[in-house]
N, C-alpha and C. Protein backbone atom coordinates (compact mmCIF):
# COMPACT_ATOMS: atom_id res chain seq x y z
N MET A 1 23.51 -0.48 43.45
CA MET A 1 22.10 -0.88 43.40
C MET A 1 21.26 0.04 42.57
N SER A 2 21.62 1.33 42.55
CA SER A 2 20.79 2.33 41.79
C SER A 2 20.93 2.03 40.26
N ILE A 3 22.11 1.50 39.82
CA ILE A 3 22.23 1.24 38.41
C ILE A 3 21.18 0.17 37.94
N ILE A 4 20.79 -0.82 38.80
CA ILE A 4 19.84 -1.75 38.34
C ILE A 4 18.52 -1.06 38.11
N TYR A 5 18.15 -0.15 38.98
CA TYR A 5 16.83 0.53 38.84
C TYR A 5 16.89 1.36 37.53
N MET A 6 18.01 2.00 37.24
CA MET A 6 18.10 2.77 36.04
C MET A 6 17.98 1.87 34.77
N LEU A 7 18.75 0.75 34.77
CA LEU A 7 18.66 -0.14 33.63
C LEU A 7 17.32 -0.79 33.47
N LEU A 8 16.60 -1.09 34.56
CA LEU A 8 15.32 -1.62 34.52
C LEU A 8 14.37 -0.55 33.91
N ALA A 9 14.48 0.67 34.26
CA ALA A 9 13.64 1.72 33.74
C ALA A 9 13.88 1.93 32.19
N ILE A 10 15.17 1.89 31.85
CA ILE A 10 15.50 2.05 30.44
C ILE A 10 14.97 0.90 29.61
N SER A 11 15.06 -0.37 30.12
CA SER A 11 14.57 -1.52 29.41
C SER A 11 13.04 -1.52 29.24
N VAL A 12 12.31 -1.00 30.27
CA VAL A 12 10.87 -0.84 30.16
C VAL A 12 10.50 0.15 29.11
N ILE A 13 11.24 1.28 29.02
CA ILE A 13 10.99 2.30 28.05
C ILE A 13 11.24 1.78 26.67
N VAL A 14 12.31 1.04 26.45
CA VAL A 14 12.64 0.46 25.14
C VAL A 14 11.56 -0.55 24.74
N ALA A 15 11.11 -1.41 25.67
CA ALA A 15 10.07 -2.34 25.44
C ALA A 15 8.78 -1.67 25.02
N ILE A 16 8.44 -0.56 25.65
CA ILE A 16 7.18 0.13 25.30
C ILE A 16 7.30 0.76 23.90
N ILE A 17 8.56 1.25 23.55
CA ILE A 17 8.74 1.81 22.22
C ILE A 17 8.51 0.74 21.17
N PHE A 18 9.12 -0.46 21.41
CA PHE A 18 8.96 -1.52 20.41
C PHE A 18 7.52 -1.96 20.35
N PHE A 19 6.82 -1.98 21.46
CA PHE A 19 5.40 -2.41 21.44
C PHE A 19 4.60 -1.40 20.61
N ILE A 20 4.85 -0.10 20.81
CA ILE A 20 4.15 0.95 20.11
C ILE A 20 4.43 0.80 18.59
N ALA A 21 5.73 0.52 18.24
CA ALA A 21 6.10 0.34 16.78
C ALA A 21 5.30 -0.87 16.20
N PHE A 22 5.21 -1.94 17.03
CA PHE A 22 4.43 -3.13 16.55
C PHE A 22 3.00 -2.83 16.36
N VAL A 23 2.36 -2.13 17.28
CA VAL A 23 0.96 -1.80 17.15
C VAL A 23 0.70 -0.90 15.95
N VAL A 24 1.57 0.05 15.68
CA VAL A 24 1.45 0.89 14.52
C VAL A 24 1.55 0.16 13.26
N SER A 25 2.53 -0.78 13.18
CA SER A 25 2.67 -1.60 11.96
C SER A 25 1.52 -2.50 11.71
N VAL A 26 0.88 -3.04 12.79
CA VAL A 26 -0.26 -3.89 12.64
C VAL A 26 -1.40 -3.04 12.11
N LYS A 27 -1.61 -1.85 12.64
CA LYS A 27 -2.71 -0.96 12.21
C LYS A 27 -2.56 -0.51 10.79
N LYS A 28 -1.30 -0.37 10.28
CA LYS A 28 -1.10 -0.01 8.91
C LYS A 28 -1.16 -1.13 7.96
N GLY A 29 -1.41 -2.38 8.47
CA GLY A 29 -1.64 -3.52 7.51
C GLY A 29 -0.32 -4.20 7.13
N GLN A 30 0.73 -4.06 7.93
CA GLN A 30 2.03 -4.69 7.54
C GLN A 30 1.94 -6.22 7.55
N TYR A 31 1.12 -6.82 8.37
CA TYR A 31 1.06 -8.25 8.52
C TYR A 31 -0.20 -8.81 7.93
N ASP A 32 -0.88 -8.14 7.09
CA ASP A 32 -2.15 -8.62 6.50
C ASP A 32 -2.00 -9.85 5.58
N ASP A 33 -1.02 -9.79 4.69
CA ASP A 33 -0.85 -10.82 3.68
C ASP A 33 0.10 -11.89 4.17
N VAL A 34 -0.53 -13.09 4.49
CA VAL A 34 0.29 -14.14 5.00
C VAL A 34 0.50 -15.22 4.00
N TYR A 35 -0.16 -15.19 2.84
CA TYR A 35 -0.06 -16.26 1.80
C TYR A 35 1.01 -15.92 0.85
N THR A 36 1.07 -14.68 0.25
CA THR A 36 1.90 -14.34 -0.85
C THR A 36 3.43 -14.56 -0.51
N PRO A 37 3.91 -14.13 0.65
CA PRO A 37 5.33 -14.42 0.92
C PRO A 37 5.73 -15.81 0.90
N SER A 38 4.84 -16.71 1.19
CA SER A 38 5.20 -18.16 1.24
C SER A 38 5.34 -18.76 -0.11
N VAL A 39 4.71 -18.18 -1.13
CA VAL A 39 4.80 -18.72 -2.52
C VAL A 39 5.60 -17.76 -3.46
N ARG A 40 5.95 -16.62 -2.94
CA ARG A 40 6.71 -15.68 -3.89
C ARG A 40 8.04 -16.27 -4.38
N MET A 41 8.68 -17.08 -3.56
CA MET A 41 9.96 -17.66 -3.97
C MET A 41 9.76 -18.66 -5.08
N LEU A 42 8.62 -19.27 -5.16
CA LEU A 42 8.34 -20.30 -6.21
C LEU A 42 8.14 -19.69 -7.58
N PHE A 43 7.83 -18.41 -7.65
CA PHE A 43 7.46 -17.76 -8.94
C PHE A 43 8.48 -16.66 -9.34
N ASP A 44 9.62 -16.48 -8.62
CA ASP A 44 10.54 -15.47 -8.91
C ASP A 44 11.13 -15.65 -10.30
N ASP A 45 11.42 -16.86 -10.76
CA ASP A 45 12.07 -17.10 -12.03
C ASP A 45 11.15 -16.62 -13.15
N GLU A 46 9.89 -16.68 -13.02
CA GLU A 46 9.01 -16.28 -14.13
C GLU A 46 8.89 -14.75 -14.27
N LEU A 47 9.19 -14.04 -13.23
CA LEU A 47 9.12 -12.61 -13.27
C LEU A 47 10.32 -11.94 -13.89
N VAL A 48 11.46 -12.68 -13.90
CA VAL A 48 12.69 -12.10 -14.40
C VAL A 48 12.69 -12.16 -15.93
N LYS A 49 12.93 -11.04 -16.58
CA LYS A 49 12.93 -10.93 -18.03
C LYS A 49 14.42 -11.04 -18.45
N PRO A 50 14.65 -11.76 -19.52
CA PRO A 50 16.02 -11.90 -19.99
C PRO A 50 16.50 -10.56 -20.57
N ASP A 51 17.75 -10.31 -20.28
CA ASP A 51 18.36 -8.99 -20.74
C ASP A 51 18.96 -9.29 -22.12
N ALA A 52 18.95 -8.29 -23.00
CA ALA A 52 19.48 -8.43 -24.33
C ALA A 52 20.92 -8.65 -24.30
N LYS A 53 21.65 -8.13 -23.29
CA LYS A 53 23.11 -8.32 -23.20
C LYS A 53 23.49 -9.74 -22.85
N GLU A 54 22.64 -10.43 -22.20
CA GLU A 54 22.91 -11.84 -21.82
C GLU A 54 22.97 -12.73 -23.00
N ASN A 55 22.32 -12.48 -24.06
CA ASN A 55 22.28 -13.28 -25.24
C ASN A 55 23.51 -13.18 -26.12
N GLN A 56 24.32 -12.17 -25.91
CA GLN A 56 25.49 -11.90 -26.72
C GLN A 56 26.62 -12.86 -26.25
N PRO A 57 27.49 -13.26 -27.17
CA PRO A 57 28.65 -14.14 -26.76
C PRO A 57 29.57 -13.37 -25.90
N LEU A 58 30.18 -14.09 -25.00
CA LEU A 58 31.10 -13.45 -24.06
C LEU A 58 32.57 -13.44 -24.61
N ASN A 59 33.37 -12.55 -24.11
CA ASN A 59 34.80 -12.49 -24.39
C ASN A 59 35.08 -12.29 -25.85
N LYS A 60 34.41 -11.23 -26.42
CA LYS A 60 34.76 -10.90 -27.81
C LYS A 60 36.14 -10.11 -27.75
N VAL A 61 37.03 -10.54 -28.53
CA VAL A 61 38.34 -9.90 -28.48
C VAL A 61 38.58 -9.20 -29.86
N LYS A 62 38.95 -7.95 -29.72
CA LYS A 62 39.25 -7.18 -30.99
C LYS A 62 40.68 -7.41 -31.30
N SER A 63 40.96 -7.84 -32.62
CA SER A 63 42.33 -8.04 -32.98
C SER A 63 42.75 -6.91 -33.92
N ASN A 64 43.93 -6.38 -33.60
CA ASN A 64 44.45 -5.29 -34.39
C ASN A 64 45.57 -5.70 -35.37
């Protein structure tokens, strides 16, 4: 029966730690921007710049 009290105390301590981490992240502004993440995936293709290596033909074989 004493193990239940110990597990209960440990779970309360872990819950308090997670709650404190949540409060700290909210105060630092982690959850302020709710619009950008929802549309970021729509504009990812425009941000990628083509690489010069991609335009070269593949499988060039040197013949000796």
